[in-house]
PDB file of all heavy atoms in Angstrom:
ATOM      1  N   GLY A   1     -52.160  -1.875  -8.230  1.00  0.00           N
ATOM      2  CA  GLY A   1     -52.721  -3.175  -7.815  1.00  0.00           C
ATOM      3  C   GLY A   1     -52.012  -4.323  -8.535  1.00  0.00           C
ATOM      4  O   GLY A   1     -51.212  -4.110  -9.441  1.00  0.00           O
ATOM      5  N   PRO A   2     -52.183  -5.576  -8.173  1.00  0.00           N
ATOM      6  CA  PRO A   2     -51.521  -6.706  -8.751  1.00  0.00           C
ATOM      7  C   PRO A   2     -51.687  -6.815 -10.239  1.00  0.00           C
ATOM      8  O   PRO A   2     -50.879  -7.361 -10.944  1.00  0.00           O
ATOM      9  CB  PRO A   2     -52.103  -7.880  -7.964  1.00  0.00           C
ATOM     10  CG  PRO A   2     -52.613  -7.345  -6.677  1.00  0.00           C
ATOM     11  CD  PRO A   2     -53.093  -5.945  -7.003  1.00  0.00           C
ATOM     12  N   ASP A   3     -52.849  -6.294 -10.733  1.00  0.00           N
ATOM     13  CA  ASP A   3     -53.140  -6.368 -12.149  1.00  0.00           C
ATOM     14  C   ASP A   3     -52.510  -5.190 -12.939  1.00  0.00           C
ATOM     15  O   ASP A   3     -52.740  -5.063 -14.161  1.00  0.00           O
ATOM     16  CB  ASP A   3     -54.621  -6.430 -12.424  1.00  0.00           C
ATOM     17  CG  ASP A   3     -55.378  -5.216 -11.925  1.00  0.00           C
ATOM     18  OD1 ASP A   3     -54.780  -4.329 -11.259  1.00  0.00           O
ATOM     19  OD2 ASP A   3     -56.601  -5.105 -12.197  1.00  0.00           O
ATOM     20  N   GLY A   4     -51.753  -4.301 -12.256  1.00  0.00           N
ATOM     21  CA  GLY A   4     -51.147  -3.172 -12.956  1.00  0.00           C
ATOM     22  C   GLY A   4     -52.006  -1.934 -12.970  1.00  0.00           C
ATOM     23  O   GLY A   4     -51.533  -0.939 -13.536  1.00  0.00           O
ATOM     24  N   THR A   5     -53.146  -1.990 -12.329  1.00  0.00           N
ATOM     25  CA  THR A   5     -54.003  -0.754 -12.312  1.00  0.00           C
ATOM     26  C   THR A   5     -53.439   0.245 -11.357  1.00  0.00           C
ATOM     27  O   THR A   5     -53.047  -0.045 -10.201  1.00  0.00           O
ATOM     28  CB  THR A   5     -55.414  -1.164 -11.828  1.00  0.00           C
ATOM     29  OG1 THR A   5     -55.961  -2.091 -12.724  1.00  0.00           O
ATOM     30  CG2 THR A   5     -56.321   0.081 -11.729  1.00  0.00           C
ATOM     31  N   LEU A   6     -53.320   1.469 -11.768  1.00  0.00           N
ATOM     32  CA  LEU A   6     -52.815   2.577 -10.969  1.00  0.00           C
ATOM     33  C   LEU A   6     -53.913   2.886  -9.909  1.00  0.00           C
ATOM     34  O   LEU A   6     -55.053   3.215 -10.233  1.00  0.00           O
ATOM     35  CB  LEU A   6     -52.541   3.801 -11.779  1.00  0.00           C
ATOM     36  CG  LEU A   6     -52.013   4.985 -10.992  1.00  0.00           C
ATOM     37  CD1 LEU A   6     -50.594   4.722 -10.446  1.00  0.00           C
ATOM     38  CD2 LEU A   6     -51.983   6.216 -11.906  1.00  0.00           C
ATOM     39  N   LEU A   7     -53.521   2.802  -8.647  1.00  0.00           N
ATOM     40  CA  LEU A   7     -54.485   3.077  -7.471  1.00  0.00           C
ATOM     41  C   LEU A   7     -54.203   4.370  -6.772  1.00  0.00           C
ATOM     42  O   LEU A   7     -55.131   4.937  -6.225  1.00  0.00           O
ATOM     43  CB  LEU A   7     -54.315   1.956  -6.469  1.00  0.00           C
ATOM     44  CG  LEU A   7     -54.568   0.486  -6.985  1.00  0.00           C
ATOM     45  CD1 LEU A   7     -54.345  -0.498  -5.893  1.00  0.00           C
ATOM     46  CD2 LEU A   7     -56.003   0.388  -7.530  1.00  0.00           C
ATOM     47  N   TRP A   8     -52.925   4.843  -6.830  1.00  0.00           N
ATOM     48  CA  TRP A   8     -52.577   5.994  -6.060  1.00  0.00           C
ATOM     49  C   TRP A   8     -51.326   6.629  -6.718  1.00  0.00           C
ATOM     50  O   TRP A   8     -50.473   5.915  -7.230  1.00  0.00           O
ATOM     51  CB  TRP A   8     -52.269   5.587  -4.611  1.00  0.00           C
ATOM     52  CG  TRP A   8     -51.934   6.670  -3.683  1.00  0.00           C
ATOM     53  CD1 TRP A   8     -52.780   7.360  -2.858  1.00  0.00           C
ATOM     54  CD2 TRP A   8     -50.596   7.165  -3.364  1.00  0.00           C
ATOM     55  NE1 TRP A   8     -52.070   8.263  -2.061  1.00  0.00           N
ATOM     56  CE2 TRP A   8     -50.741   8.142  -2.355  1.00  0.00           C
ATOM     57  CE3 TRP A   8     -49.311   6.797  -3.805  1.00  0.00           C
ATOM     58  CZ2 TRP A   8     -49.670   8.833  -1.822  1.00  0.00           C
ATOM     59  CZ3 TRP A   8     -48.242   7.522  -3.262  1.00  0.00           C
ATOM     60  CH2 TRP A   8     -48.400   8.512  -2.284  1.00  0.00           C
ATOM     61  N   ASP A   9     -51.212   7.946  -6.742  1.00  0.00           N
ATOM     62  CA  ASP A   9     -50.187   8.623  -7.466  1.00  0.00           C
ATOM     63  C   ASP A   9     -49.840   9.906  -6.735  1.00  0.00           C
ATOM     64  O   ASP A   9     -50.666  10.642  -6.333  1.00  0.00           O
ATOM     65  CB  ASP A   9     -50.648   8.974  -8.913  1.00  0.00           C
ATOM     66  CG  ASP A   9     -49.469   8.956  -9.862  1.00  0.00           C
ATOM     67  OD1 ASP A   9     -48.515   8.225  -9.698  1.00  0.00           O
ATOM     68  OD2 ASP A   9     -49.598   9.740 -10.872  1.00  0.00           O
ATOM     69  N   ALA A  10     -48.522  10.095  -6.514  1.00  0.00           N
ATOM     70  CA  ALA A  10     -48.047  11.331  -5.913  1.00  0.00           C
ATOM     71  C   ALA A  10     -47.071  12.017  -6.859  1.00  0.00           C
ATOM     72  O   ALA A  10     -46.224  11.336  -7.468  1.00  0.00           O
ATOM     73  CB  ALA A  10     -47.338  11.020  -4.556  1.00  0.00           C
ATOM     74  N   GLU A  11     -47.210  13.308  -7.008  1.00  0.00           N
ATOM     75  CA  GLU A  11     -46.344  14.061  -7.939  1.00  0.00           C
ATOM     76  C   GLU A  11     -45.635  15.154  -7.168  1.00  0.00           C
ATOM     77  O   GLU A  11     -46.268  15.973  -6.418  1.00  0.00           O
ATOM     78  CB  GLU A  11     -47.182  14.734  -9.027  1.00  0.00           C
ATOM     79  CG  GLU A  11     -46.387  15.502 -10.022  1.00  0.00           C
ATOM     80  CD  GLU A  11     -47.220  16.213 -11.060  1.00  0.00           C
ATOM     81  OE1 GLU A  11     -48.499  16.112 -11.007  1.00  0.00           O
ATOM     82  OE2 GLU A  11     -46.673  16.945 -11.917  1.00  0.00           O
ATOM     83  N   LEU A  12     -44.318  15.152  -7.239  1.00  0.00           N
ATOM     84  CA  LEU A  12     -43.484  16.185  -6.699  1.00  0.00           C
ATOM     85  C   LEU A  12     -43.434  17.361  -7.616  1.00  0.00           C
ATOM     86  O   LEU A  12     -43.701  17.261  -8.824  1.00  0.00           O
ATOM     87  CB  LEU A  12     -42.091  15.693  -6.411  1.00  0.00           C
ATOM     88  CG  LEU A  12     -41.933  14.666  -5.282  1.00  0.00           C
ATOM     89  CD1 LEU A  12     -40.623  13.934  -5.462  1.00  0.00           C
ATOM     90  CD2 LEU A  12     -41.914  15.386  -3.941  1.00  0.00           C
ATOM     91  N   PRO A  13     -43.081  18.545  -7.145  1.00  0.00           N
ATOM     92  CA  PRO A  13     -42.932  19.707  -8.074  1.00  0.00           C
ATOM     93  C   PRO A  13     -41.859  19.431  -9.088  1.00  0.00           C
ATOM     94  O   PRO A  13     -40.922  18.565  -8.887  1.00  0.00           O
ATOM     95  CB  PRO A  13     -42.470  20.836  -7.141  1.00  0.00           C
ATOM     96  CG  PRO A  13     -42.972  20.419  -5.768  1.00  0.00           C
ATOM     97  CD  PRO A  13     -42.852  18.945  -5.751  1.00  0.00           C
ATOM     98  N   PRO A  14     -41.907  20.071 -10.315  1.00  0.00           N
ATOM     99  CA  PRO A  14     -40.929  19.792 -11.338  1.00  0.00           C
ATOM    100  C   PRO A  14     -39.497  20.067 -10.837  1.00  0.00           C
ATOM    101  O   PRO A  14     -39.319  20.901  -9.935  1.00  0.00           O
ATOM    102  CB  PRO A  14     -41.305  20.841 -12.400  1.00  0.00           C
ATOM    103  CG  PRO A  14     -42.743  21.167 -12.147  1.00  0.00           C
ATOM    104  CD  PRO A  14     -42.929  21.028 -10.666  1.00  0.00           C
ATOM    105  N   HIS A  15     -38.601  19.249 -11.336  1.00  0.00           N
ATOM    106  CA  HIS A  15     -37.164  19.363 -11.056  1.00  0.00           C
ATOM    107  C   HIS A  15     -36.796  18.819  -9.696  1.00  0.00           C
ATOM    108  O   HIS A  15     -35.634  18.897  -9.319  1.00  0.00           O
ATOM    109  CB  HIS A  15     -36.670  20.842 -11.152  1.00  0.00           C
ATOM    110  CG  HIS A  15     -37.106  21.504 -12.454  1.00  0.00           C
ATOM    111  ND1 HIS A  15     -36.749  21.047 -13.681  1.00  0.00           N
ATOM    112  CD2 HIS A  15     -37.868  22.631 -12.656  1.00  0.00           C
ATOM    113  CE1 HIS A  15     -37.285  21.841 -14.592  1.00  0.00           C
ATOM    114  NE2 HIS A  15     -37.973  22.789 -13.999  1.00  0.00           N
ATOM    115  N   LEU A  16     -37.784  18.224  -9.003  1.00  0.00           N
ATOM    116  CA  LEU A  16     -37.391  17.531  -7.771  1.00  0.00           C
ATOM    117  C   LEU A  16     -37.491  16.033  -8.009  1.00  0.00           C
ATOM    118  O   LEU A  16     -38.077  15.582  -8.968  1.00  0.00           O
ATOM    119  CB  LEU A  16     -38.391  17.852  -6.609  1.00  0.00           C
ATOM    120  CG  LEU A  16     -37.957  19.012  -5.696  1.00  0.00           C
ATOM    121  CD1 LEU A  16     -38.103  20.358  -6.461  1.00  0.00           C
ATOM    122  CD2 LEU A  16     -38.755  19.057  -4.433  1.00  0.00           C
ATOM    123  N   TYR A  17     -36.768  15.272  -7.143  1.00  0.00           N
ATOM    124  CA  TYR A  17     -36.729  13.833  -7.308  1.00  0.00           C
ATOM    125  C   TYR A  17     -36.507  13.218  -5.930  1.00  0.00           C
ATOM    126  O   TYR A  17     -36.152  13.914  -4.976  1.00  0.00           O
ATOM    127  CB  TYR A  17     -35.608  13.436  -8.261  1.00  0.00           C
ATOM    128  CG  TYR A  17     -34.304  14.156  -8.028  1.00  0.00           C
ATOM    129  CD1 TYR A  17     -33.509  13.890  -6.898  1.00  0.00           C
ATOM    130  CD2 TYR A  17     -33.860  15.144  -8.879  1.00  0.00           C
ATOM    131  CE1 TYR A  17     -32.332  14.551  -6.635  1.00  0.00           C
ATOM    132  CE2 TYR A  17     -32.634  15.838  -8.677  1.00  0.00           C
ATOM    133  CZ  TYR A  17     -31.901  15.524  -7.509  1.00  0.00           C
ATOM    134  OH  TYR A  17     -30.741  16.174  -7.311  1.00  0.00           O
ATOM    135  N   THR A  18     -36.685  11.905  -5.824  1.00  0.00           N
ATOM    136  CA  THR A  18     -36.371  11.181  -4.610  1.00  0.00           C
ATOM    137  C   THR A  18     -35.704   9.884  -5.111  1.00  0.00           C
ATOM    138  O   THR A  18     -36.176   9.217  -5.987  1.00  0.00           O
ATOM    139  CB  THR A  18     -37.613  10.893  -3.709  1.00  0.00           C
ATOM    140  OG1 THR A  18     -37.194  10.280  -2.550  1.00  0.00           O
ATOM    141  CG2 THR A  18     -38.638  10.062  -4.416  1.00  0.00           C
ATOM    142  N   TYR A  19     -34.517   9.604  -4.496  1.00  0.00           N
ATOM    143  CA  TYR A  19     -33.744   8.476  -4.953  1.00  0.00           C
ATOM    144  C   TYR A  19     -34.554   7.205  -4.811  1.00  0.00           C
ATOM    145  O   TYR A  19     -34.633   6.354  -5.734  1.00  0.00           O
ATOM    146  CB  TYR A  19     -32.454   8.380  -4.165  1.00  0.00           C
ATOM    147  CG  TYR A  19     -31.623   7.157  -4.466  1.00  0.00           C
ATOM    148  CD1 TYR A  19     -31.049   7.003  -5.711  1.00  0.00           C
ATOM    149  CD2 TYR A  19     -31.445   6.146  -3.574  1.00  0.00           C
ATOM    150  CE1 TYR A  19     -30.270   5.864  -6.010  1.00  0.00           C
ATOM    151  CE2 TYR A  19     -30.671   5.013  -3.801  1.00  0.00           C
ATOM    152  CZ  TYR A  19     -30.099   4.889  -5.054  1.00  0.00           C
ATOM    153  OH  TYR A  19     -29.393   3.786  -5.347  1.00  0.00           O
ATOM    154  N   ARG A  20     -35.165   6.982  -3.677  1.00  0.00           N
ATOM    155  CA  ARG A  20     -36.032   5.764  -3.451  1.00  0.00           C
ATOM    156  C   ARG A  20     -37.273   6.231  -2.723  1.00  0.00           C
ATOM    157  O   ARG A  20     -37.302   7.253  -2.011  1.00  0.00           O
ATOM    158  CB  ARG A  20     -35.342   4.719  -2.600  1.00  0.00           C
ATOM    159  CG  ARG A  20     -34.405   3.889  -3.458  1.00  0.00           C
ATOM    160  CD  ARG A  20     -33.801   2.732  -2.564  1.00  0.00           C
ATOM    161  NE  ARG A  20     -32.810   2.011  -3.375  1.00  0.00           N
ATOM    162  CZ  ARG A  20     -31.757   1.384  -2.883  1.00  0.00           C
ATOM    163  NH1 ARG A  20     -31.575   1.354  -1.596  1.00  0.00           N
ATOM    164  NH2 ARG A  20     -30.934   0.733  -3.681  1.00  0.00           N
ATOM    165  N   ALA A  21     -38.384   5.450  -2.825  1.00  0.00           N
ATOM    166  CA  ALA A  21     -39.587   5.713  -2.069  1.00  0.00           C
ATOM    167  C   ALA A  21     -39.961   4.349  -1.441  1.00  0.00           C
ATOM    168  O   ALA A  21     -39.868   3.294  -2.078  1.00  0.00           O
ATOM    169  CB  ALA A  21     -40.649   6.204  -3.025  1.00  0.00           C
ATOM    170  N   ARG A  22     -40.376   4.450  -0.217  1.00  0.00           N
ATOM    171  CA  ARG A  22     -40.840   3.294   0.482  1.00  0.00           C
ATOM    172  C   ARG A  22     -42.130   3.582   1.285  1.00  0.00           C
ATOM    173  O   ARG A  22     -42.389   4.715   1.650  1.00  0.00           O
ATOM    174  CB  ARG A  22     -39.803   2.785   1.501  1.00  0.00           C
ATOM    175  CG  ARG A  22     -38.489   2.265   0.883  1.00  0.00           C
ATOM    176  CD  ARG A  22     -38.714   0.879   0.375  1.00  0.00           C
ATOM    177  NE  ARG A  22     -37.477   0.288  -0.077  1.00  0.00           N
ATOM    178  CZ  ARG A  22     -37.033   0.233  -1.343  1.00  0.00           C
ATOM    179  NH1 ARG A  22     -37.752   0.792  -2.314  1.00  0.00           N
ATOM    180  NH2 ARG A  22     -35.910  -0.432  -1.645  1.00  0.00           N
ATOM    181  N   ARG A  23     -43.017   2.569   1.403  1.00  0.00           N
ATOM    182  CA  ARG A  23     -44.170   2.753   2.245  1.00  0.00           C
ATOM    183  C   ARG A  23     -44.059   1.761   3.392  1.00  0.00           C
ATOM    184  O   ARG A  23     -43.703   0.598   3.210  1.00  0.00           O
ATOM    185  CB  ARG A  23     -45.495   2.497   1.485  1.00  0.00           C
ATOM    186  CG  ARG A  23     -46.666   2.836   2.304  1.00  0.00           C
ATOM    187  CD  ARG A  23     -48.018   2.574   1.565  1.00  0.00           C
ATOM    188  NE  ARG A  23     -48.201   3.301   0.350  1.00  0.00           N
ATOM    189  CZ  ARG A  23     -48.472   4.617   0.271  1.00  0.00           C
ATOM    190  NH1 ARG A  23     -48.526   5.364   1.371  1.00  0.00           N
ATOM    191  NH2 ARG A  23     -48.650   5.176  -0.908  1.00  0.00           N
ATOM    192  N   SER A  24     -44.358   2.222   4.612  1.00  0.00           N
ATOM    193  CA  SER A  24     -44.251   1.371   5.776  1.00  0.00           C
ATOM    194  C   SER A  24     -45.169   1.888   6.887  1.00  0.00           C
ATOM    195  O   SER A  24     -45.436   3.092   6.930  1.00  0.00           O
ATOM    196  CB  SER A  24     -42.804   1.323   6.269  1.00  0.00           C
ATOM    197  OG  SER A  24     -42.673   0.455   7.386  1.00  0.00           O
ATOM    198  N   SER A  25     -45.563   1.078   7.791  1.00  0.00           N
ATOM    199  CA  SER A  25     -46.232   1.505   9.006  1.00  0.00           C
ATOM    200  C   SER A  25     -45.160   2.159   9.901  1.00  0.00           C
ATOM    201  O   SER A  25     -44.065   1.745   9.997  1.00  0.00           O
ATOM    202  CB  SER A  25     -46.911   0.306   9.717  1.00  0.00           C
ATOM    203  OG  SER A  25     -45.975  -0.650  10.008  1.00  0.00           O
ATOM    204  N   TRP A  26     -45.609   3.206  10.632  1.00  0.00           N
ATOM    205  CA  TRP A  26     -44.675   3.913  11.498  1.00  0.00           C
ATOM    206  C   TRP A  26     -45.507   4.562  12.581  1.00  0.00           C
ATOM    207  O   TRP A  26     -46.448   5.293  12.309  1.00  0.00           O
ATOM    208  CB  TRP A  26     -43.908   4.987  10.747  1.00  0.00           C
ATOM    209  CG  TRP A  26     -43.019   5.813  11.557  1.00  0.00           C
ATOM    210  CD1 TRP A  26     -43.103   7.162  11.726  1.00  0.00           C
ATOM    211  CD2 TRP A  26     -41.857   5.436  12.323  1.00  0.00           C
ATOM    212  NE1 TRP A  26     -42.141   7.635  12.575  1.00  0.00           N
ATOM    213  CE2 TRP A  26     -41.347   6.601  12.972  1.00  0.00           C
ATOM    214  CE3 TRP A  26     -41.230   4.214  12.568  1.00  0.00           C
ATOM    215  CZ2 TRP A  26     -40.234   6.583  13.787  1.00  0.00           C
ATOM    216  CZ3 TRP A  26     -40.127   4.167  13.387  1.00  0.00           C
ATOM    217  CH2 TRP A  26     -39.655   5.355  13.992  1.00  0.00           C
ATOM    218  N   VAL A  27     -45.097   4.320  13.866  1.00  0.00           N
ATOM    219  CA  VAL A  27     -45.771   4.891  15.007  1.00  0.00           C
ATOM    220  C   VAL A  27     -44.750   5.681  15.798  1.00  0.00           C
ATOM    221  O   VAL A  27     -43.674   5.127  16.104  1.00  0.00           O
ATOM    222  CB  VAL A  27     -46.406   3.783  15.909  1.00  0.00           C
ATOM    223  CG1 VAL A  27     -47.035   4.379  17.124  1.00  0.00           C
ATOM    224  CG2 VAL A  27     -47.393   2.986  15.125  1.00  0.00           C
ATOM    225  N   ALA A  28     -45.094   6.900  16.097  1.00  0.00           N
ATOM    226  CA  ALA A  28     -44.022   7.790  16.730  1.00  0.00           C
ATOM    227  C   ALA A  28     -44.719   8.825  17.645  1.00  0.00           C
ATOM    228  O   ALA A  28     -45.798   9.299  17.377  1.00  0.00           O
ATOM    229  CB  ALA A  28     -43.182   8.484  15.715  1.00  0.00           C
TER     230      ALA A  28
END
C-alpha cells in the first residue's frame, strides 16, 4: 500500500527468480 504496508506476497520456489514482475489487466 502507499504507506508501505505489505498487502500481497508471492514466493517462488528456492533458486528461481524473475528478472522483472509486472501487474496489468489482460483479456484473452
